[in-house]
Amino acid sequence: MVHVAFKKLNMSSILNKLIGITLLLSCLNFVSCSKDIEENKPTLPVDTTGAKPDPTIPAFKTHQEWTYNLNMYEANVRQYSQEGTFNAFKTHLPRLKELGVGIIWFMPIHPIGKKNIIAPLGSYYSVQDYKKVNPEFGTMDDFKELVNEIHKSGMYVILDWVPNHTSWDNVLTQTNPDWYTKDANGNFMPPAGTNWSDVIDLDYSKAGLRQYMISAMKFWVTEVGVDGFRCDAAEMVPMDFWDEATSELRKTYPGILMLAEGGGSESYHHGFNMTYAWNLHGFKKGLLRDIYSGSKNANDLETYLNNEVNQIPKTESRLYFTSNHDENSWEGTEFEQFGDGANTFAVLAHTMYGMPLTYTGQEIGLDRRLLFFDKDPITWTENSYTELYTILGSLKKNNKALWNGEKGGIPVRVKTSNPTSIFSYKREKGEDGIFVILNVSGTEQNVVLEENFPGAYKEVFTGEEKSFDNGGELNIGPWGYKVFKKME
């Protein structure tokens, strides 16, 4: 009996030691895994659904937790390098991080349809398969690695999604031809009212199509780790589909960012967090074109900005830009459209009231229209434009006055002696403050401030220090600009 008792005692002791070692190893493993996640994502994932969070997804409760102070960058992979691949793009991540980029929006990366292709390489927006990548760019593993590296760099990824139409030879034309809109003869047809000959229209009255599209979007969130979608021609798709899609996507990733390529305020009521500022600029229309032509002035900018503040939900934002892939290729570069006012309007877009967008090449002052259907690679250099966009990017990220919605400061116009030519405004949040003065005319302006406000300020481009306690005078050249940051 004594012998048996001794054996039981030893076994118990051994078991206790093994349990202790197991617990120690588990703790070490937890620390190691947590460290890996921390290093690979901008923010450590949190469990918001009750299920174990997917380590590839930074599961914020709302998009505001990570988008409020970021700049967006539209990446044209085909033209980004001579190779035009994901791997070649990856080498630019340190440069983009230095530029102040927070979100990288990739133009569609799916295979491009061959039937009725617009030669020679076709349009990104003619999608052949929603769950694959264009072999021109690399493999799915290449893209997954790129997304991972972007996250490691502290940046995020949104994917351009084309829900309204597909290529003529999309896999769905074989598996589910009934999901397409048909003409009177029962044939596939391009979206009504367009000249988009390389694509055919989808019919969202079909429940199966809706389920498929939501499933395909979920794939890119759960399997690849993207942080949101820029939805092409979003307002051409029934809004009740977006109710379904955004609701389902947020069950997987509550903090997903949904950007609608549309300017209507209705999108905010159907799950979108951001819309385009089309009334400010786009497709040969918009206030910026009118101001540059002289038909509108700084007072019209004030009216526009006040409407933005009143119409955009404080939890959401607008996307402001002077260029994007459509503008650059079809309407002209920002220099063609705005001449000497290009940088002035870039400053406005970065400081006004929302999220600024930089299109591929703007940060080096690219002065040509990129070919849309053919190879047209950029040669990258750094210059004064790089400095301009880097300063503006840093300001957006670090100065609370410029943050989005309720996290930032409301823009308030500052009265001057030149109300039609000078648009000046200030934004304040906590201890941070920004004062912007833009000459939106082609003539030099001697500006007298008709208001005063306390604090010492420094101009972000020149380092000039100035106080506006007693108003003041400033001289600003044609299409000139000054951005003053409140000093600590």
Protein backbone atom coordinates (compact mmCIF):
# COMPACT_ATOMS: atom_id res chain seq x y z
CA MET A 1 0.00 0.00 0.00
CA VAL A 2 2.85 2.30 0.83
CA HIS A 3 4.45 1.57 -2.54
CA VAL A 4 1.25 2.27 -4.43
CA ALA A 5 0.66 5.50 -2.52
CA PHE A 6 4.21 6.59 -3.40
CA LYS A 7 3.55 5.97 -7.11
CA LYS A 8 0.32 7.97 -6.96
CA LEU A 9 2.13 10.83 -5.30
CA ASN A 10 4.81 10.86 -8.01
CA MET A 11 2.23 10.72 -10.79
CA SER A 12 0.36 13.62 -9.22
CA SER A 13 3.56 15.61 -8.94
CA ILE A 14 4.50 14.88 -12.52
CA LEU A 15 1.02 15.84 -13.70
CA ASN A 16 1.19 19.15 -11.88
CA LYS A 17 4.57 19.88 -13.45
CA LEU A 18 3.30 19.00 -16.91
CA ILE A 19 0.27 21.24 -16.44
CA GLY A 20 2.55 24.04 -15.31
CA ILE A 21 4.84 23.62 -18.31
CA THR A 22 1.83 23.50 -20.66
CA LEU A 23 0.41 26.70 -19.20
CA LEU A 24 3.80 28.39 -19.51
CA LEU A 25 4.14 27.32 -23.14
CA SER A 26 0.58 28.49 -23.86
CA CYS A 27 1.33 31.90 -22.38
CA LEU A 28 4.54 32.17 -24.38
CA ASN A 29 2.69 31.10 -27.52
CA PHE A 30 -0.09 33.64 -26.85
CA VAL A 31 2.47 36.41 -26.42
CA SER A 32 4.23 35.30 -29.62
CA CYS A 33 0.98 35.16 -31.61
CA SER A 34 -0.17 38.51 -30.25
CA LYS A 35 3.20 40.00 -31.21
CA ASP A 36 2.87 38.61 -34.74
CA ILE A 37 -0.62 40.07 -35.14
CA GLU A 38 0.49 43.40 -33.71
CA GLU A 39 3.37 43.56 -36.16
CA ASN A 40 1.24 42.57 -39.16
CA LYS A 41 -1.74 44.85 -38.63
CA PRO A 42 -2.17 48.55 -38.00
CA THR A 43 -4.34 47.76 -34.96
CA LEU A 44 -4.70 44.55 -32.96
CA PRO A 45 -7.93 42.76 -33.91
CA VAL A 46 -10.67 42.70 -31.29
CA ASP A 47 -13.51 40.22 -30.98
CA THR A 48 -16.67 42.15 -31.82
CA THR A 49 -18.89 39.26 -32.93
CA GLY A 50 -18.46 36.69 -30.18
CA ALA A 51 -16.46 34.46 -32.50
CA LYS A 52 -12.70 34.11 -32.61
CA PRO A 53 -11.42 37.00 -34.78
CA ASP A 54 -9.77 36.13 -38.06
CA PRO A 55 -6.12 37.15 -37.64
CA THR A 56 -6.08 38.50 -41.21
CA ILE A 57 -8.76 41.09 -40.40
CA PRO A 58 -8.33 44.15 -38.17
CA ALA A 59 -11.89 43.84 -36.79
CA PHE A 60 -12.73 47.34 -35.63
CA LYS A 61 -16.22 48.06 -34.36
CA THR A 62 -16.67 50.91 -36.84
CA HIS A 63 -14.69 52.30 -39.77
CA GLN A 64 -14.22 55.54 -37.81
CA GLU A 65 -11.75 53.80 -35.53
CA TRP A 66 -9.20 53.65 -38.35
CA THR A 67 -10.24 55.99 -41.20
CA TYR A 68 -10.63 59.32 -39.39
CA ASN A 69 -7.18 60.74 -40.19
CA LEU A 70 -6.10 58.89 -43.32
CA ASN A 71 -5.38 59.83 -46.91
CA MET A 72 -6.47 57.58 -49.75
CA TYR A 73 -4.27 56.60 -52.70
CA GLU A 74 -5.61 55.09 -55.94
CA ALA A 75 -3.17 52.54 -57.34
CA ASN A 76 -3.08 51.76 -61.06
CA VAL A 77 -1.04 48.53 -60.98
CA ARG A 78 -0.65 48.16 -64.74
CA GLN A 79 1.05 51.55 -65.10
CA TYR A 80 2.87 51.56 -61.77
CA SER A 81 6.01 49.90 -63.07
CA GLN A 82 7.52 48.40 -66.19
CA GLU A 83 6.61 44.96 -64.80
CA GLY A 84 3.09 46.01 -63.81
CA THR A 85 2.90 43.37 -61.08
CA PHE A 86 1.93 43.10 -57.41
CA ASN A 87 5.52 42.27 -56.52
CA ALA A 88 6.84 45.34 -58.29
CA PHE A 89 4.24 47.51 -56.57
CA LYS A 90 5.33 46.12 -53.21
CA THR A 91 8.73 47.80 -53.56
CA HIS A 92 6.96 51.20 -53.47
CA LEU A 93 5.36 50.70 -50.06
CA PRO A 94 8.10 52.53 -48.10
CA ARG A 95 7.74 55.50 -50.46
CA LEU A 96 3.94 55.53 -50.08
CA LYS A 97 4.25 55.29 -46.31
CA GLU A 98 6.62 58.27 -46.35
CA LEU A 99 4.12 60.13 -48.54
CA GLY A 100 1.55 59.78 -45.77
CA VAL A 101 -0.74 57.30 -47.52
CA GLY A 102 -3.16 55.57 -45.16
CA ILE A 103 -5.46 53.61 -47.49
CA ILE A 104 -4.46 52.08 -50.82
CA TRP A 105 -7.37 51.63 -53.22
CA PHE A 106 -6.49 49.14 -55.94
CA MET A 107 -8.26 49.52 -59.26
CA PRO A 108 -9.87 46.15 -60.17
CA ILE A 109 -7.35 43.33 -59.98
CA HIS A 110 -9.54 40.61 -61.50
CA PRO A 111 -8.96 38.82 -64.83
CA ILE A 112 -10.10 40.94 -67.78
CA GLY A 113 -12.54 39.52 -70.31
CA LYS A 114 -11.32 38.62 -73.78
CA LYS A 115 -14.61 38.69 -75.69
CA ASN A 116 -15.30 42.15 -77.14
CA ILE A 117 -12.16 43.38 -75.42
CA ILE A 118 -11.05 46.94 -76.09
CA ALA A 119 -7.57 46.21 -77.42
CA PRO A 120 -4.88 45.65 -76.65
CA LEU A 121 -5.13 44.92 -72.90
CA GLY A 122 -8.73 45.78 -72.07
CA SER A 123 -10.39 47.58 -69.20
CA TYR A 124 -9.92 46.73 -65.53
CA TYR A 125 -13.68 47.18 -65.23
CA SER A 126 -14.49 44.27 -67.55
CA VAL A 127 -14.37 41.53 -64.92
CA GLN A 128 -14.08 37.92 -66.06
CA ASP A 129 -14.00 36.23 -62.63
CA TYR A 130 -14.75 37.89 -59.29
CA LYS A 131 -12.75 35.38 -57.26
CA LYS A 132 -9.48 35.41 -59.19
CA VAL A 133 -6.66 37.86 -59.93
CA ASN A 134 -5.45 39.11 -63.28
CA PRO A 135 -2.44 36.93 -64.24
CA GLU A 136 -0.94 40.07 -65.80
CA PHE A 137 -0.36 41.24 -62.20
CA GLY A 138 0.73 37.96 -60.60
CA THR A 139 -0.90 35.26 -58.51
CA MET A 140 -3.44 35.23 -55.70
CA ASP A 141 -0.61 34.42 -53.29
CA ASP A 142 1.29 37.45 -54.60
CA PHE A 143 -1.68 39.68 -53.82
CA LYS A 144 -2.20 38.15 -50.39
CA GLU A 145 1.45 38.82 -49.60
CA LEU A 146 1.08 42.40 -50.85
CA VAL A 147 -1.95 42.96 -48.59
CA ASN A 148 0.01 41.53 -45.69
CA GLU A 149 2.96 43.83 -46.37
CA ILE A 150 0.66 46.84 -46.62
CA HIS A 151 -0.79 45.98 -43.24
CA LYS A 152 2.68 45.55 -41.80
CA SER A 153 3.45 49.06 -43.02
CA GLY A 154 0.51 50.44 -41.04
CA MET A 155 -1.67 51.04 -44.10
CA TYR A 156 -4.98 49.57 -45.24
CA VAL A 157 -6.40 48.11 -48.48
CA ILE A 158 -9.68 48.63 -50.28
CA LEU A 159 -10.55 46.80 -53.47
CA ASP A 160 -12.33 48.28 -56.48
CA TRP A 161 -15.54 46.27 -56.90
CA VAL A 162 -17.55 46.23 -60.13
CA PRO A 163 -21.05 44.97 -59.24
CA ASN A 164 -23.12 46.47 -62.04
CA HIS A 165 -21.70 44.61 -65.04
CA THR A 166 -19.22 41.93 -66.13
CA SER A 167 -17.23 41.00 -69.21
CA TRP A 168 -19.05 39.16 -72.02
CA ASP A 169 -17.18 35.98 -71.06
CA ASN A 170 -17.47 36.15 -67.28
CA VAL A 171 -17.85 32.68 -65.77
CA LEU A 172 -21.42 33.62 -64.77
CA THR A 173 -22.47 33.83 -68.42
CA GLN A 174 -22.00 30.05 -68.54
CA THR A 175 -23.15 29.03 -65.07
CA ASN A 176 -25.97 31.54 -64.55
CA PRO A 177 -26.95 33.32 -67.79
CA ASP A 178 -30.34 34.19 -66.26
CA TRP A 179 -28.58 36.66 -63.93
CA TYR A 180 -28.08 39.08 -66.82
CA THR A 181 -30.29 41.76 -68.35
CA LYS A 182 -31.44 40.73 -71.85
CA ASP A 183 -32.59 42.72 -74.87
CA ALA A 184 -35.83 42.04 -76.76
CA ASN A 185 -34.17 39.12 -78.54
CA GLY A 186 -32.92 37.52 -75.34
CA ASN A 187 -29.30 38.58 -75.85
CA PHE A 188 -26.86 39.99 -73.32
CA MET A 189 -26.63 43.77 -73.43
CA PRO A 190 -24.42 46.60 -72.10
CA PRO A 191 -25.80 48.74 -69.26
CA ALA A 192 -28.62 50.92 -70.58
CA GLY A 193 -27.65 54.45 -71.53
CA THR A 194 -23.93 53.71 -71.81
CA ASN A 195 -21.46 53.07 -74.62
CA TRP A 196 -19.62 50.40 -72.61
CA SER A 197 -19.34 47.86 -75.40
CA ASP A 198 -16.97 45.51 -73.54
CA VAL A 199 -19.35 44.73 -70.65
CA ILE A 200 -22.87 43.41 -70.07
CA ASP A 201 -25.46 44.35 -67.49
CA LEU A 202 -26.38 42.30 -64.41
CA ASP A 203 -29.99 41.87 -63.26
CA TYR A 204 -30.34 42.41 -59.51
CA SER A 205 -33.92 41.18 -59.43
CA LYS A 206 -32.31 37.72 -59.26
CA ALA A 207 -31.84 36.61 -55.64
CA GLY A 208 -29.11 34.16 -56.63
CA LEU A 209 -27.01 36.94 -58.10
CA ARG A 210 -27.27 38.94 -54.89
CA GLN A 211 -26.17 35.98 -52.80
CA TYR A 212 -23.28 35.25 -55.14
CA MET A 213 -22.04 38.85 -55.17
CA ILE A 214 -22.11 39.10 -51.37
CA SER A 215 -20.30 35.77 -51.09
CA ALA A 216 -17.63 36.92 -53.54
CA MET A 217 -17.06 40.14 -51.59
CA LYS A 218 -16.82 38.16 -48.35
CA PHE A 219 -14.12 36.01 -49.95
CA TRP A 220 -11.82 39.02 -50.35
CA VAL A 221 -12.42 40.08 -46.75
CA THR A 222 -11.99 36.69 -45.08
CA GLU A 223 -9.50 34.97 -47.36
CA VAL A 224 -7.38 37.92 -48.49
CA GLY A 225 -7.84 40.45 -45.72
CA VAL A 226 -8.96 43.58 -47.58
CA ASP A 227 -10.40 46.34 -45.40
CA GLY A 228 -13.15 47.60 -47.65
CA PHE A 229 -14.46 48.25 -51.13
CA ARG A 230 -14.71 51.15 -53.56
CA CYS A 231 -17.95 50.25 -55.35
CA ASP A 232 -17.96 51.20 -59.02
CA ALA A 233 -21.14 52.79 -60.39
CA ALA A 234 -22.75 52.11 -57.01
CA GLU A 235 -25.88 54.11 -57.77
CA MET A 236 -26.58 51.96 -60.86
CA VAL A 237 -27.19 48.99 -58.55
CA PRO A 238 -30.44 48.80 -56.53
CA MET A 239 -29.96 50.40 -53.12
CA ASP A 240 -31.73 47.56 -51.33
CA PHE A 241 -28.91 45.29 -52.52
CA TRP A 242 -26.44 47.51 -50.69
CA ASP A 243 -28.58 47.18 -47.57
CA GLU A 244 -28.13 43.41 -47.79
CA ALA A 245 -24.47 43.48 -48.80
CA THR A 246 -23.20 45.95 -46.21
CA SER A 247 -25.18 44.25 -43.45
CA GLU A 248 -23.71 40.84 -44.30
CA LEU A 249 -20.17 42.17 -44.72
CA ARG A 250 -20.29 43.88 -41.32
CA LYS A 251 -21.20 40.58 -39.68
CA THR A 252 -17.76 39.43 -40.85
CA TYR A 253 -15.87 42.71 -40.42
CA PRO A 254 -17.83 45.36 -38.47
CA GLY A 255 -15.30 48.08 -39.30
CA ILE A 256 -15.27 47.61 -43.07
CA LEU A 257 -15.05 50.79 -45.19
CA MET A 258 -17.57 51.13 -48.01
CA LEU A 259 -16.94 53.86 -50.58
CA ALA A 260 -19.62 54.55 -53.20
CA GLU A 261 -18.71 55.94 -56.59
CA GLY A 262 -21.69 58.24 -56.38
CA GLY A 263 -22.39 61.71 -55.10
CA GLY A 264 -25.89 61.28 -53.71
CA SER A 265 -26.54 61.54 -49.98
CA GLU A 266 -28.89 58.54 -50.24
CA SER A 267 -25.89 56.18 -50.22
CA TYR A 268 -25.18 57.05 -46.58
CA HIS A 269 -28.55 55.51 -45.69
CA HIS A 270 -27.70 52.20 -47.37
CA GLY A 271 -24.50 51.20 -45.66
CA PHE A 272 -21.91 53.42 -47.36
CA ASN A 273 -19.45 55.43 -45.28
CA MET A 274 -18.07 57.65 -48.01
CA THR A 275 -19.20 59.11 -51.33
CA TYR A 276 -17.62 61.07 -54.17
CA ALA A 277 -17.59 64.88 -54.19
CA TRP A 278 -18.84 64.95 -57.78
CA ASN A 279 -20.39 68.41 -57.32
CA LEU A 280 -16.93 69.74 -56.52
CA HIS A 281 -15.22 68.07 -59.46
CA GLY A 282 -15.82 65.38 -62.06
CA PHE A 283 -16.51 64.65 -65.74
CA LYS A 284 -16.11 68.22 -67.03
CA LYS A 285 -18.46 69.49 -64.35
CA GLY A 286 -18.18 70.70 -60.80
CA LEU A 287 -17.42 73.86 -58.86
CA LEU A 288 -13.64 73.72 -59.31
CA ARG A 289 -13.96 73.86 -63.11
CA ASP A 290 -16.36 76.78 -62.79
CA ILE A 291 -14.03 78.67 -60.47
CA TYR A 292 -11.05 78.14 -62.74
CA SER A 293 -13.07 79.35 -65.72
CA GLY A 294 -14.16 82.43 -63.78
CA SER A 295 -17.88 81.69 -63.82
CA LYS A 296 -17.91 81.00 -60.05
CA ASN A 297 -15.85 82.42 -57.18
CA ALA A 298 -14.84 82.02 -53.55
CA ASN A 299 -18.32 82.84 -52.28
CA ASP A 300 -19.64 79.81 -54.14
CA LEU A 301 -17.04 77.69 -52.37
CA GLU A 302 -18.41 78.89 -49.03
CA THR A 303 -21.94 77.88 -50.03
CA TYR A 304 -20.69 74.48 -51.19
CA LEU A 305 -18.75 73.86 -48.00
CA ASN A 306 -21.66 74.83 -45.76
CA ASN A 307 -23.87 72.38 -47.64
CA GLU A 308 -21.28 69.64 -47.17
CA VAL A 309 -21.14 70.23 -43.42
CA ASN A 310 -24.93 70.11 -43.17
CA GLN A 311 -25.57 67.16 -45.49
CA ILE A 312 -22.82 64.66 -44.67
CA PRO A 313 -23.51 62.59 -41.53
CA LYS A 314 -20.97 63.45 -38.84
CA THR A 315 -19.99 59.77 -38.62
CA GLU A 316 -19.19 59.59 -42.35
CA SER A 317 -17.18 61.55 -44.90
CA ARG A 318 -16.72 62.65 -48.50
CA LEU A 319 -13.86 61.82 -50.89
CA TYR A 320 -12.22 64.95 -52.35
CA PHE A 321 -9.88 64.87 -55.35
CA THR A 322 -8.44 66.79 -58.26
CA SER A 323 -7.78 63.62 -60.28
CA ASN A 324 -8.59 59.91 -60.49
CA HIS A 325 -8.37 57.25 -63.20
CA ASP A 326 -11.41 58.57 -65.10
CA GLU A 327 -10.38 62.20 -64.87
CA ASN A 328 -6.76 61.58 -65.84
CA SER A 329 -7.40 59.31 -68.83
CA TRP A 330 -10.57 60.85 -70.26
CA GLU A 331 -10.85 64.46 -69.11
CA GLY A 332 -7.20 65.41 -68.72
CA THR A 333 -4.60 65.82 -66.02
CA GLU A 334 -5.17 68.31 -63.21
CA PHE A 335 -2.78 70.65 -65.06
CA GLU A 336 -4.85 70.47 -68.23
CA GLN A 337 -8.01 71.19 -66.27
CA PHE A 338 -6.78 73.69 -63.67
CA GLY A 339 -3.48 75.08 -64.94
CA ASP A 340 -1.76 77.12 -62.21
CA GLY A 341 -4.68 76.34 -59.90
CA ALA A 342 -3.89 72.60 -59.71
CA ASN A 343 -1.88 72.82 -56.49
CA THR A 344 -4.30 75.34 -54.99
CA PHE A 345 -7.16 72.90 -55.43
CA ALA A 346 -5.00 70.03 -54.12
CA VAL A 347 -4.50 72.02 -50.90
CA LEU A 348 -8.26 72.60 -50.73
CA ALA A 349 -9.00 68.88 -51.18
CA HIS A 350 -6.58 67.97 -48.38
CA THR A 351 -7.78 70.51 -45.83
CA MET A 352 -11.47 71.18 -46.47
CA TYR A 353 -13.79 68.58 -44.91
CA GLY A 354 -13.32 64.88 -45.65
CA MET A 355 -10.77 62.40 -47.00
CA PRO A 356 -8.33 63.47 -49.74
CA LEU A 357 -7.50 61.19 -52.67
CA THR A 358 -4.21 61.06 -54.56
CA TYR A 359 -4.18 59.27 -57.91
CA THR A 360 -1.16 57.36 -59.19
CA GLY A 361 1.49 59.86 -60.30
CA GLN A 362 0.02 63.02 -58.81
CA GLU A 363 2.71 62.96 -56.13
CA ILE A 364 5.35 63.56 -58.81
CA GLY A 365 3.32 66.00 -60.88
CA LEU A 366 2.60 63.51 -63.67
CA ASP A 367 1.60 65.70 -66.61
CA ARG A 368 0.28 63.19 -69.10
CA ARG A 369 -2.88 61.16 -69.53
CA LEU A 370 -2.21 57.51 -68.77
CA LEU A 371 -3.40 55.12 -71.47
CA PHE A 372 -6.43 53.17 -70.22
CA PHE A 373 -6.32 50.03 -72.37
CA ASP A 374 -2.59 49.72 -72.99
CA LYS A 375 0.72 49.65 -71.15
CA ASP A 376 1.97 53.13 -70.20
CA PRO A 377 4.36 52.84 -67.23
CA ILE A 378 5.40 55.76 -65.04
CA THR A 379 9.01 56.71 -64.38
CA TRP A 380 9.20 57.63 -60.70
CA THR A 381 11.16 60.64 -59.46
CA GLU A 382 10.85 62.91 -56.43
CA ASN A 383 10.28 66.65 -56.88
CA SER A 384 8.41 69.64 -55.44
CA TYR A 385 5.08 67.84 -55.91
CA THR A 386 6.31 65.02 -53.71
CA GLU A 387 7.10 67.54 -51.00
CA LEU A 388 3.67 69.18 -51.38
CA TYR A 389 1.76 65.91 -51.04
CA THR A 390 3.99 64.65 -48.22
CA ILE A 391 3.40 67.79 -46.15
CA LEU A 392 -0.33 67.67 -46.78
CA GLY A 393 -0.45 63.95 -45.95
CA SER A 394 1.39 64.44 -42.68
CA LEU A 395 -0.84 67.36 -41.74
CA LYS A 396 -4.00 65.32 -42.33
CA LYS A 397 -2.70 62.42 -40.25
CA ASN A 398 -1.33 64.37 -37.28
CA ASN A 399 -3.45 67.50 -36.91
CA LYS A 400 -6.80 66.81 -35.24
CA ALA A 401 -8.37 69.89 -36.81
CA LEU A 402 -8.25 68.10 -40.19
CA TRP A 403 -9.69 64.79 -39.05
CA ASN A 404 -12.97 63.54 -40.52
CA GLY A 405 -16.46 64.27 -39.25
CA GLU A 406 -17.02 64.63 -35.54
CA LYS A 407 -13.39 63.77 -34.81
CA GLY A 408 -12.18 66.90 -36.61
CA GLY A 409 -12.94 70.59 -36.71
CA ILE A 410 -15.82 72.18 -38.61
CA PRO A 411 -14.48 74.53 -41.33
CA VAL A 412 -15.50 78.15 -40.78
CA ARG A 413 -14.82 80.85 -43.33
CA VAL A 414 -12.66 83.79 -42.22
CA LYS A 415 -13.76 87.14 -43.68
CA THR A 416 -11.30 89.10 -45.78
CA SER A 417 -11.22 92.22 -47.91
CA ASN A 418 -11.31 90.03 -51.05
CA PRO A 419 -14.44 87.83 -50.68
CA THR A 420 -14.69 86.79 -54.34
CA SER A 421 -11.00 86.00 -54.90
CA ILE A 422 -9.86 84.74 -51.50
CA PHE A 423 -11.26 81.66 -49.82
CA SER A 424 -9.90 81.47 -46.28
CA TYR A 425 -11.11 79.22 -43.49
CA LYS A 426 -10.05 77.83 -40.15
CA ARG A 427 -10.62 74.50 -38.47
CA GLU A 428 -10.03 73.81 -34.79
CA LYS A 429 -10.19 70.72 -32.60
CA GLY A 430 -8.85 70.73 -29.05
CA GLU A 431 -5.44 72.35 -29.05
CA ASP A 432 -4.99 71.90 -32.81
CA GLY A 433 -5.84 74.54 -35.37
CA ILE A 434 -5.44 75.13 -39.11
CA PHE A 435 -5.89 78.38 -41.03
CA VAL A 436 -5.99 78.10 -44.85
CA ILE A 437 -5.88 80.99 -47.32
CA LEU A 438 -6.41 80.29 -51.03
CA ASN A 439 -6.25 82.76 -53.89
CA VAL A 440 -8.76 81.31 -56.35
CA SER A 441 -8.01 83.90 -59.00
CA GLY A 442 -5.29 84.54 -61.55
CA THR A 443 -4.34 87.91 -60.10
CA GLU A 444 -2.17 88.80 -57.11
CA GLN A 445 -4.14 89.67 -53.99
CA ASN A 446 -3.26 91.90 -51.05
CA VAL A 447 -5.44 90.39 -48.33
CA VAL A 448 -6.68 92.18 -45.20
CA LEU A 449 -8.19 89.85 -42.61
CA GLU A 450 -11.43 91.29 -41.25
CA GLU A 451 -11.43 88.89 -38.29
CA ASN A 452 -8.91 88.06 -35.60
CA PHE A 453 -8.27 84.91 -33.63
CA PRO A 454 -5.73 84.07 -30.92
CA GLY A 455 -2.65 81.92 -31.13
CA ALA A 456 0.70 81.73 -32.86
CA TYR A 457 0.78 80.01 -36.26
CA LYS A 458 3.45 78.62 -38.58
CA GLU A 459 3.06 78.29 -42.34
CA VAL A 460 3.63 74.61 -43.17
CA PHE A 461 5.41 75.13 -46.52
CA THR A 462 7.71 78.06 -45.72
CA GLY A 463 8.05 78.03 -41.93
CA GLU A 464 6.80 81.63 -41.70
CA GLU A 465 5.51 82.40 -38.19
CA LYS A 466 2.58 84.75 -37.73
CA SER A 467 -0.03 85.86 -35.22
CA PHE A 468 -3.58 86.77 -36.16
CA ASP A 469 -4.57 88.27 -32.79
CA ASN A 470 -5.22 91.58 -34.53
CA GLY A 471 -6.17 90.34 -37.96
CA GLY A 472 -3.36 91.16 -40.37
CA GLU A 473 -2.35 91.56 -43.98
CA LEU A 474 -1.02 89.00 -46.42
CA ASN A 475 0.10 89.13 -50.02
CA ILE A 476 -0.78 86.08 -52.08
CA GLY A 477 0.21 85.57 -55.70
CA PRO A 478 -2.05 84.30 -58.51
CA TRP A 479 -3.46 80.92 -57.53
CA GLY A 480 -1.34 81.11 -54.38
CA TYR A 481 -2.00 79.39 -51.08
CA LYS A 482 -0.87 79.43 -47.47
CA VAL A 483 -1.59 76.87 -44.77
CA PHE A 484 -0.91 77.94 -41.19
CA LYS A 485 -0.70 75.42 -38.38
CA LYS A 486 -1.35 76.52 -34.81
CA MET A 487 1.87 76.27 -32.82
CA GLU A 488 2.03 74.45 -29.48
